C-alpha atoms as a PDB file:
ATOM      1  CA  MET A   1      71.309 -91.339 158.318  1.00  0.00           C
ATOM      2  CA  ASN A   2      69.449 -90.163 161.298  1.00  0.00           C
ATOM      3  CA  LYS A   3      69.953 -92.386 164.442  1.00  0.00           C
ATOM      4  CA  LEU A   4      68.603 -92.074 168.165  1.00  0.00           C
ATOM      5  CA  SER A   5      69.847 -93.989 170.885  1.00  0.00           C
ATOM      6  CA  VAL A   6      68.970 -94.718 174.036  1.00  0.00           C
ATOM      7  CA  LYS A   7      71.479 -95.403 176.853  1.00  0.00           C
ATOM      8  CA  ASN A   8      70.601 -97.109 180.127  1.00  0.00           C
ATOM      9  CA  LEU A   9      67.841 -95.112 180.719  1.00  0.00           C
ATOM     10  CA  TYR A  10      66.246 -95.252 184.050  1.00  0.00           C
ATOM     11  CA  LYS A  11      62.988 -93.069 184.865  1.00  0.00           C
ATOM     12  CA  THR A  12      62.506 -93.111 188.788  1.00  0.00           C
ATOM     13  CA  TYR A  13      59.448 -91.155 190.310  1.00  0.00           C
ATOM     14  CA  PHE A  14      59.894 -89.396 193.995  1.00  0.00           C
ATOM     15  CA  ASP A  15      56.149 -89.336 196.014  1.00  0.00           C
ATOM     16  CA  GLY A  16      57.758 -88.902 199.758  1.00  0.00           C
ATOM     17  CA  GLU A  17      58.573 -92.558 200.593  1.00  0.00           C
ATOM     18  CA  SER A  18      57.204 -94.571 198.448  1.00  0.00           C
ATOM     19  CA  ASN A  19      59.718 -94.730 194.644  1.00  0.00           C
ATOM     20  CA  THR A  20      57.959 -95.668 191.938  1.00  0.00           C
ATOM     21  CA  SER A  21      60.704 -96.580 188.957  1.00  0.00           C
ATOM     22  CA  VAL A  22      58.923 -97.245 185.361  1.00  0.00           C
ATOM     23  CA  LEU A  23      62.679 -97.706 183.186  1.00  0.00           C
ATOM     24  CA  ASN A  24      65.258 -99.483 184.164  1.00  0.00           C
ATOM     25  CA  GLY A  25      68.576 -99.850 182.307  1.00  0.00           C
ATOM     26  CA  LEU A  26      66.490 -99.131 178.743  1.00  0.00           C
ATOM     27  CA  THR A  27      68.971 -99.198 176.109  1.00  0.00           C
ATOM     28  CA  PHE A  28      68.330 -99.276 172.218  1.00  0.00           C
ATOM     29  CA  ASP A  29      68.796 -97.698 168.695  1.00  0.00           C
ATOM     30  CA  ALA A  30      66.194 -96.118 166.055  1.00  0.00           C
ATOM     31  CA  LEU A  31      67.389 -95.519 162.580  1.00  0.00           C
ATOM     32  CA  GLY A  32      66.249 -93.165 159.421  1.00  0.00           C
ATOM     33  CA  SER A  33      63.055 -94.317 157.803  1.00  0.00           C
ATOM     34  CA  LYS A  34      63.043 -97.310 159.892  1.00  0.00           C
ATOM     35  CA  LEU A  35      59.353 -97.239 162.892  1.00  0.00           C
ATOM     36  CA  THR A  36      59.954 -99.037 166.016  1.00  0.00           C
ATOM     37  CA  ALA A  37      57.504 -99.757 167.965  1.00  0.00           C
ATOM     38  CA  VAL A  38      57.067 -98.934 171.598  1.00  0.00           C
ATOM     39  CA  VAL A  39      54.616-101.750 172.732  1.00  0.00           C
ATOM     40  CA  GLY A  40      53.416-102.689 176.593  1.00  0.00           C
ATOM     41  CA  GLU A  41      51.071-103.038 179.361  1.00  0.00           C
ATOM     42  CA  SER A  42      49.439 -99.841 180.647  1.00  0.00           C
ATOM     43  CA  GLY A  43      51.868 -97.957 183.532  1.00  0.00           C
ATOM     44  CA  SER A  44      54.859 -99.823 181.355  1.00  0.00           C
ATOM     45  CA  GLY A  45      56.566 -96.670 180.281  1.00  0.00           C
ATOM     46  CA  LYS A  46      55.498 -96.049 177.268  1.00  0.00           C
ATOM     47  CA  THR A  47      54.791 -92.548 177.368  1.00  0.00           C
ATOM     48  CA  THR A  48      57.250 -91.668 180.367  1.00  0.00           C
ATOM     49  CA  LEU A  49      60.134 -92.930 177.469  1.00  0.00           C
ATOM     50  CA  LEU A  50      58.282 -90.323 174.707  1.00  0.00           C
ATOM     51  CA  ASN A  51      58.455 -88.153 177.219  1.00  0.00           C
ATOM     52  CA  LEU A  52      61.840 -88.339 178.221  1.00  0.00           C
ATOM     53  CA  ILE A  53      62.719 -88.138 174.382  1.00  0.00           C
ATOM     54  CA  SER A  54      61.469 -85.214 173.783  1.00  0.00           C
ATOM     55  CA  THR A  55      63.094 -83.373 176.460  1.00  0.00           C
ATOM     56  CA  ILE A  56      59.436 -82.863 178.017  1.00  0.00           C
ATOM     57  CA  ASP A  57      60.726 -85.096 181.280  1.00  0.00           C
ATOM     58  CA  LYS A  58      64.407 -85.269 182.258  1.00  0.00           C
ATOM     59  CA  PRO A  59      65.200 -89.312 183.066  1.00  0.00           C
ATOM     60  CA  THR A  60      66.767 -90.088 186.478  1.00  0.00           C
ATOM     61  CA  LYS A  61      69.859 -91.468 184.773  1.00  0.00           C
ATOM     62  CA  GLY A  62      71.040 -92.656 181.694  1.00  0.00           C
ATOM     63  CA  GLU A  63      71.696 -90.881 178.054  1.00  0.00           C
ATOM     64  CA  ILE A  64      69.473 -89.639 174.856  1.00  0.00           C
ATOM     65  CA  ILE A  65      71.672 -89.288 171.700  1.00  0.00           C
ATOM     66  CA  PHE A  66      70.439 -88.231 168.923  1.00  0.00           C
ATOM     67  CA  ASN A  67      72.706 -87.655 165.644  1.00  0.00           C
ATOM     68  CA  ASN A  68      75.847 -87.444 167.679  1.00  0.00           C
ATOM     69  CA  THR A  69      74.083 -84.833 170.237  1.00  0.00           C
ATOM     70  CA  CYS A  70      73.340 -85.794 173.643  1.00  0.00           C
ATOM     71  CA  ILE A  71      69.923 -84.062 174.229  1.00  0.00           C
ATOM     72  CA  ASN A  72      68.993 -84.557 178.118  1.00  0.00           C
ATOM     73  CA  ASN A  73      72.355 -83.485 178.877  1.00  0.00           C
ATOM     74  CA  SER A  74      72.014 -79.686 180.734  1.00  0.00           C
ATOM     75  CA  HIS A  75      74.933 -78.747 179.778  1.00  0.00           C
ATOM     76  CA  HIS A  76      73.645 -78.337 175.978  1.00  0.00           C
ATOM     77  CA  SER A  77      72.405 -75.730 175.801  1.00  0.00           C
ATOM     78  CA  GLU A  78      70.513 -75.879 172.219  1.00  0.00           C
ATOM     79  CA  PRO A  79      66.761 -76.649 172.975  1.00  0.00           C
ATOM     80  CA  PHE A  80      65.781 -80.539 170.804  1.00  0.00           C
ATOM     81  CA  HIS A  81      63.322 -78.796 168.728  1.00  0.00           C
ATOM     82  CA  ASP A  82      63.942 -81.206 165.253  1.00  0.00           C
ATOM     83  CA  TYR A  83      60.860 -83.653 166.481  1.00  0.00           C
ATOM     84  CA  GLY A  84      56.900 -83.747 166.402  1.00  0.00           C
ATOM     85  CA  PHE A  85      55.088 -85.009 168.807  1.00  0.00           C
ATOM     86  CA  VAL A  86      51.359 -86.615 168.555  1.00  0.00           C
ATOM     87  CA  PHE A  87      50.193 -87.006 172.197  1.00  0.00           C
ATOM     88  CA  GLN A  88      47.005 -88.968 173.103  1.00  0.00           C
ATOM     89  CA  PHE A  89      45.391 -86.234 173.253  1.00  0.00           C
ATOM     90  CA  HIS A  90      44.926 -84.026 170.538  1.00  0.00           C
ATOM     91  CA  TYR A  91      45.731 -80.559 172.027  1.00  0.00           C
ATOM     92  CA  LEU A  92      44.277 -78.524 169.477  1.00  0.00           C
ATOM     93  CA  VAL A  93      43.229 -75.286 170.359  1.00  0.00           C
ATOM     94  CA  ASN A  94      39.860 -74.863 169.709  1.00  0.00           C
ATOM     95  CA  THR A  95      39.322 -70.990 169.177  1.00  0.00           C
ATOM     96  CA  LEU A  96      41.710 -71.640 166.053  1.00  0.00           C
ATOM     97  CA  THR A  97      40.262 -73.370 162.873  1.00  0.00           C
ATOM     98  CA  VAL A  98      41.995 -76.931 162.081  1.00  0.00           C
ATOM     99  CA  ALA A  99      43.907 -74.907 159.645  1.00  0.00           C
ATOM    100  CA  GLU A 100      45.077 -72.503 161.913  1.00  0.00           C
ATOM    101  CA  ASN A 101      46.159 -75.129 163.987  1.00  0.00           C
ATOM    102  CA  ILE A 102      48.670 -77.214 161.857  1.00  0.00           C
ATOM    103  CA  LEU A 103      49.940 -73.820 160.487  1.00  0.00           C
ATOM    104  CA  ILE A 104      50.777 -72.403 163.773  1.00  0.00           C
ATOM    105  CA  ALA A 105      53.689 -75.036 163.964  1.00  0.00           C
ATOM    106  CA  ALA A 106      55.161 -74.069 160.409  1.00  0.00           C
ATOM    107  CA  GLU A 107      54.634 -70.741 161.945  1.00  0.00           C
ATOM    108  CA  ILE A 108      56.887 -71.176 165.035  1.00  0.00           C
ATOM    109  CA  ILE A 109      59.739 -71.754 162.656  1.00  0.00           C
ATOM    110  CA  ASN A 110      59.371 -69.561 159.454  1.00  0.00           C
ATOM    111  CA  GLN A 111      59.018 -72.320 157.669  1.00  0.00           C
ATOM    112  CA  PRO A 112      57.629 -70.725 153.877  1.00  0.00           C
ATOM    113  CA  LYS A 113      53.971 -70.561 153.836  1.00  0.00           C
ATOM    114  CA  GLN A 114      53.016 -71.964 150.685  1.00  0.00           C
ATOM    115  CA  ASP A 115      55.266 -74.690 151.264  1.00  0.00           C
ATOM    116  CA  ALA A 116      53.911 -75.678 154.626  1.00  0.00           C
ATOM    117  CA  LEU A 117      49.907 -74.920 152.693  1.00  0.00           C
ATOM    118  CA  ASP A 118      50.466 -78.008 150.094  1.00  0.00           C
ATOM    119  CA  ARG A 119      51.978 -79.745 152.963  1.00  0.00           C
ATOM    120  CA  MET A 120      48.960 -79.227 154.865  1.00  0.00           C
ATOM    121  CA  HIS A 121      46.533 -80.241 151.984  1.00  0.00           C
ATOM    122  CA  ASN A 122      48.686 -82.741 150.596  1.00  0.00           C
ATOM    123  CA  PHE A 123      48.651 -85.027 154.051  1.00  0.00           C
ATOM    124  CA  ALA A 124      44.758 -84.164 154.976  1.00  0.00           C
ATOM    125  CA  GLU A 125      43.511 -84.707 151.784  1.00  0.00           C
ATOM    126  CA  GLN A 126      45.341 -88.666 151.943  1.00  0.00           C
ATOM    127  CA  LEU A 127      43.750 -88.468 155.546  1.00  0.00           C
ATOM    128  CA  GLY A 128      40.388 -87.027 154.235  1.00  0.00           C
ATOM    129  CA  ILE A 129      39.507 -84.544 156.501  1.00  0.00           C
ATOM    130  CA  LEU A 130      40.470 -81.326 153.429  1.00  0.00           C
ATOM    131  CA  HIS A 131      37.180 -80.465 154.105  1.00  0.00           C
ATOM    132  CA  LYS A 132      36.964 -79.841 157.695  1.00  0.00           C
ATOM    133  CA  MET A 133      40.344 -77.473 156.963  1.00  0.00           C
ATOM    134  CA  ASN A 134      37.834 -74.866 158.057  1.00  0.00           C
ATOM    135  CA  ASN A 135      36.272 -75.810 160.598  1.00  0.00           C
ATOM    136  CA  TYR A 136      36.888 -75.980 164.568  1.00  0.00           C
ATOM    137  CA  PRO A 137      38.242 -78.533 166.300  1.00  0.00           C
ATOM    138  CA  PHE A 138      35.086 -79.077 168.899  1.00  0.00           C
ATOM    139  CA  GLN A 139      33.462 -79.639 165.428  1.00  0.00           C
ATOM    140  CA  LEU A 140      35.330 -82.638 164.752  1.00  0.00           C
ATOM    141  CA  SER A 141      34.821 -86.508 165.635  1.00  0.00           C
ATOM    142  CA  GLY A 142      37.998 -87.876 167.737  1.00  0.00           C
ATOM    143  CA  GLY A 143      39.153 -89.330 164.931  1.00  0.00           C
ATOM    144  CA  GLU A 144      39.150 -86.288 162.635  1.00  0.00           C
ATOM    145  CA  ARG A 145      40.571 -84.310 166.076  1.00  0.00           C
ATOM    146  CA  GLN A 146      43.374 -86.707 165.986  1.00  0.00           C
ATOM    147  CA  ARG A 147      43.748 -86.905 162.090  1.00  0.00           C
ATOM    148  CA  ALA A 148      44.838 -82.893 162.442  1.00  0.00           C
ATOM    149  CA  ALA A 149      47.078 -83.418 165.255  1.00  0.00           C
ATOM    150  CA  PHE A 150      49.254 -85.433 163.154  1.00  0.00           C
ATOM    151  CA  ILE A 151      49.541 -83.540 160.140  1.00  0.00           C
ATOM    152  CA  ARG A 152      50.666 -80.598 162.524  1.00  0.00           C
ATOM    153  CA  ALA A 153      53.397 -82.720 164.185  1.00  0.00           C
ATOM    154  CA  ILE A 154      54.723 -83.530 161.060  1.00  0.00           C
ATOM    155  CA  ILE A 155      54.051 -80.641 158.992  1.00  0.00           C
ATOM    156  CA  ASN A 156      57.628 -78.984 159.573  1.00  0.00           C
ATOM    157  CA  LYS A 157      59.542 -81.935 158.192  1.00  0.00           C
ATOM    158  CA  PRO A 158      61.189 -83.595 161.782  1.00  0.00           C
ATOM    159  CA  SER A 159      63.860 -86.202 161.588  1.00  0.00           C
ATOM    160  CA  LEU A 160      62.054 -87.491 164.713  1.00  0.00           C
ATOM    161  CA  VAL A 161      58.453 -87.961 164.887  1.00  0.00           C
ATOM    162  CA  LEU A 162      56.941 -89.502 168.486  1.00  0.00           C
ATOM    163  CA  MET A 163      54.036 -91.047 168.601  1.00  0.00           C
ATOM    164  CA  ASP A 164      51.293 -91.902 171.415  1.00  0.00           C
ATOM    165  CA  GLU A 165      48.606 -94.315 170.482  1.00  0.00           C
ATOM    166  CA  PRO A 166      48.005 -91.982 167.395  1.00  0.00           C
ATOM    167  CA  THR A 167      46.154 -94.820 166.022  1.00  0.00           C
ATOM    168  CA  GLY A 168      43.379 -95.481 168.680  1.00  0.00           C
ATOM    169  CA  ASN A 169      40.761 -92.974 168.008  1.00  0.00           C
ATOM    170  CA  LEU A 170      40.641 -94.394 164.660  1.00  0.00           C
ATOM    171  CA  ASP A 171      38.245 -97.210 162.700  1.00  0.00           C
ATOM    172  CA  GLN A 172      40.380 -99.580 160.666  1.00  0.00           C
ATOM    173  CA  GLU A 173      40.339 -97.386 157.305  1.00  0.00           C
ATOM    174  CA  ASN A 174      41.286 -94.297 158.830  1.00  0.00           C
ATOM    175  CA  SER A 175      43.816 -96.752 160.397  1.00  0.00           C
ATOM    176  CA  LYS A 176      45.621 -97.846 157.746  1.00  0.00           C
ATOM    177  CA  LYS A 177      45.672 -94.727 155.902  1.00  0.00           C
ATOM    178  CA  LEU A 178      47.328 -92.777 158.432  1.00  0.00           C
ATOM    179  CA  GLN A 179      49.907 -95.771 158.730  1.00  0.00           C
ATOM    180  CA  GLU A 180      50.322 -95.801 155.002  1.00  0.00           C
ATOM    181  CA  LEU A 181      51.501 -92.025 155.384  1.00  0.00           C
ATOM    182  CA  ILE A 182      53.435 -92.535 158.121  1.00  0.00           C
ATOM    183  CA  ILE A 183      55.348 -95.331 156.055  1.00  0.00           C
ATOM    184  CA  SER A 184      55.823 -92.987 152.965  1.00  0.00           C
ATOM    185  CA  ILE A 185      56.704 -89.736 154.701  1.00  0.00           C
ATOM    186  CA  MET A 186      59.675 -92.304 156.842  1.00  0.00           C
ATOM    187  CA  HIS A 187      61.509 -93.088 153.723  1.00  0.00           C
ATOM    188  CA  GLU A 188      60.893 -89.969 152.033  1.00  0.00           C
ATOM    189  CA  GLN A 189      62.441 -87.817 154.899  1.00  0.00           C
ATOM    190  CA  ASP A 190      64.913 -90.239 156.040  1.00  0.00           C
ATOM    191  CA  SER A 191      62.720 -89.703 159.359  1.00  0.00           C
ATOM    192  CA  ILE A 192      62.955 -91.814 162.600  1.00  0.00           C
ATOM    193  CA  PHE A 193      59.211 -92.701 163.409  1.00  0.00           C
ATOM    194  CA  LEU A 194      58.767 -93.932 167.338  1.00  0.00           C
ATOM    195  CA  VAL A 195      55.453 -94.567 167.927  1.00  0.00           C
ATOM    196  CA  ALA A 196      53.834 -96.635 171.510  1.00  0.00           C
ATOM    197  CA  THR A 197      50.999 -98.283 170.791  1.00  0.00           C
ATOM    198  CA  HIS A 198      48.309-101.245 171.848  1.00  0.00           C
ATOM    199  CA  ASP A 199      47.540-101.701 167.882  1.00  0.00           C
ATOM    200  CA  LYS A 200      49.263-105.338 166.952  1.00  0.00           C
ATOM    201  CA  ASP A 201      48.718-104.564 163.379  1.00  0.00           C
ATOM    202  CA  PHE A 202      50.465-101.486 163.560  1.00  0.00           C
ATOM    203  CA  ALA A 203      53.146-103.034 165.753  1.00  0.00           C
ATOM    204  CA  ASP A 204      53.728-105.858 163.229  1.00  0.00           C
ATOM    205  CA  ARG A 205      54.507-103.114 160.971  1.00  0.00           C
ATOM    206  CA  ALA A 206      57.382-102.082 162.751  1.00  0.00           C
ATOM    207  CA  ASP A 207      61.014-102.302 162.063  1.00  0.00           C
ATOM    208  CA  GLN A 208      61.808-103.271 165.467  1.00  0.00           C
ATOM    209  CA  ILE A 209      59.571-103.645 168.026  1.00  0.00           C
ATOM    210  CA  ILE A 210      60.692-102.389 172.126  1.00  0.00           C
ATOM    211  CA  ALA A 211      58.468-104.276 175.140  1.00  0.00           C
ATOM    212  CA  LEU A 212      58.766-102.489 177.756  1.00  0.00           C
END
């Protein structure tokens, strides 16, 4: 079973004489096939936590251990890549079609093309954007771009999926569809899903809630 352990995590931002502490000794475990919701007011450190776990940023103190490997250890030579990230902003490339945006993630790790295509079509159909695959991001609504970004994040079957307000741009019906797909994938792949959200209905579906 996949396991993520966050141990005694601190993050302080230094700005001249002013220091801002965002995380202060945070400790929790998250397991495969489980949904962990991270909740809290804006500025409480939700996005910071996701950035630290993804190794986009480094903690001031503490350890982040994924499947018995400390991934934020500077002495660990192998980069941590077994994760997908759904950012608050979609970060789709406007000069690529939606399909090309999604498949480029699979190409990076040399995933078999047909497997990636099958997964993309399946997920796009479930999320109601299959007919948008040949469009460009600027031709999509905010909610459609967010759904495309989600498919890109999970196309490689990551063991850990980090999501920053993934339902923020979605209406109630499409939010429910996304939540159902998340739970389905989570159990199918034994993946850990960690979601930072203000969506109470989504958080209520989680197996555990981390309140910041």
